Amino acid sequence: MHWNNCDAVEQDPQRMSGAWLFAGTRVPVAALFENLEAVATIDEFVDWFPGVTRRQALAVLQYAELSLLAAA
């Protein structure tokens, strides 16, 4: 997924091997999906990954949803 238009994330080739990260953190966006897949809640994820806000997590999920709908 291409995250360029999601303001909750950022990418820098010099950080974390260029992975998409939650803005202002070193937490990969993929960590959110991995934790949700393992049945974590949004609130648990935010508690487990300091620096990631609930707003950021919800923005990522909304962006992913809109991207999937656009691709259909």
Protein backbone atom coordinates (compact mmCIF):
# COMPACT_ATOMS: atom_id res chain seq x y z
CA MET A 1 0.00 0.00 0.00
CA HIS A 2 1.23 3.48 -0.84
CA TRP A 3 0.92 5.80 2.16
CA ASN A 4 2.04 9.12 0.63
CA ASN A 5 -1.32 10.82 1.18
CA CYS A 6 -1.79 9.75 4.80
CA ASP A 7 -0.56 12.47 7.17
CA ALA A 8 -0.37 10.04 10.11
CA VAL A 9 2.67 8.28 8.65
CA GLU A 10 6.09 9.10 7.25
CA GLN A 11 8.92 7.36 5.45
CA ASP A 12 12.63 8.10 5.54
CA PRO A 13 15.07 5.76 3.81
CA GLN A 14 17.55 6.45 6.63
CA ARG A 15 15.17 5.24 9.38
CA MET A 16 13.98 1.70 9.96
CA SER A 17 15.12 0.59 6.48
CA GLY A 18 12.66 2.95 4.82
CA ALA A 19 9.55 1.33 6.34
CA TRP A 20 6.42 3.44 6.69
CA LEU A 21 6.29 4.63 10.29
CA PHE A 22 3.76 6.42 12.42
CA ALA A 23 4.80 10.08 12.17
CA GLY A 24 7.19 11.13 14.92
CA THR A 25 7.90 7.55 16.01
CA ARG A 26 9.93 4.49 15.10
CA VAL A 27 6.79 2.31 15.08
CA PRO A 28 6.12 0.65 11.71
CA VAL A 29 2.61 0.95 10.30
CA ALA A 30 2.74 -2.81 9.76
CA ALA A 31 2.82 -3.27 13.55
CA LEU A 32 -0.74 -1.95 13.77
CA PHE A 33 -2.07 -4.52 11.31
CA GLU A 34 -0.05 -7.33 12.90
CA ASN A 35 -1.42 -6.50 16.35
CA LEU A 36 -5.00 -6.15 15.14
CA GLU A 37 -4.68 -9.47 13.36
CA ALA A 38 -3.58 -10.95 16.71
CA VAL A 39 -6.85 -9.57 18.19
CA ALA A 40 -5.44 -6.50 19.94
CA THR A 41 -7.67 -3.47 20.25
CA ILE A 42 -6.76 0.03 19.09
CA ASP A 43 -6.49 1.12 22.72
CA GLU A 44 -4.14 -1.76 23.54
CA PHE A 45 -1.98 -0.94 20.53
CA VAL A 46 -1.71 2.72 21.53
CA ASP A 47 -0.83 1.67 25.10
CA TRP A 48 1.84 -0.76 23.88
CA PHE A 49 3.47 1.68 21.44
CA PRO A 50 4.13 5.01 23.18
CA GLY A 51 4.19 7.91 20.78
CA VAL A 52 1.48 6.51 18.52
CA THR A 53 -1.78 8.32 19.11
CA ARG A 54 -5.27 6.93 18.78
CA ARG A 55 -5.89 9.54 16.08
CA GLN A 56 -2.92 8.25 14.07
CA ALA A 57 -4.03 4.63 14.37
CA LEU A 58 -7.56 5.48 13.29
CA ALA A 59 -6.27 7.62 10.41
CA VAL A 60 -4.18 4.69 9.16
CA LEU A 61 -7.16 2.35 9.31
CA GLN A 62 -9.39 4.85 7.52
CA TYR A 63 -6.76 5.43 4.83
CA ALA A 64 -6.37 1.67 4.34
CA GLU A 65 -10.13 1.26 4.05
CA LEU A 66 -10.45 4.05 1.49
CA SER A 67 -7.54 2.64 -0.51
CA LEU A 68 -9.15 -0.79 -0.61
CA LEU A 69 -12.51 0.65 -1.66
CA ALA A 70 -10.85 2.68 -4.42
CA ALA A 71 -9.07 -0.42 -5.70
CA ALA A 72 -12.29 -2.44 -5.92
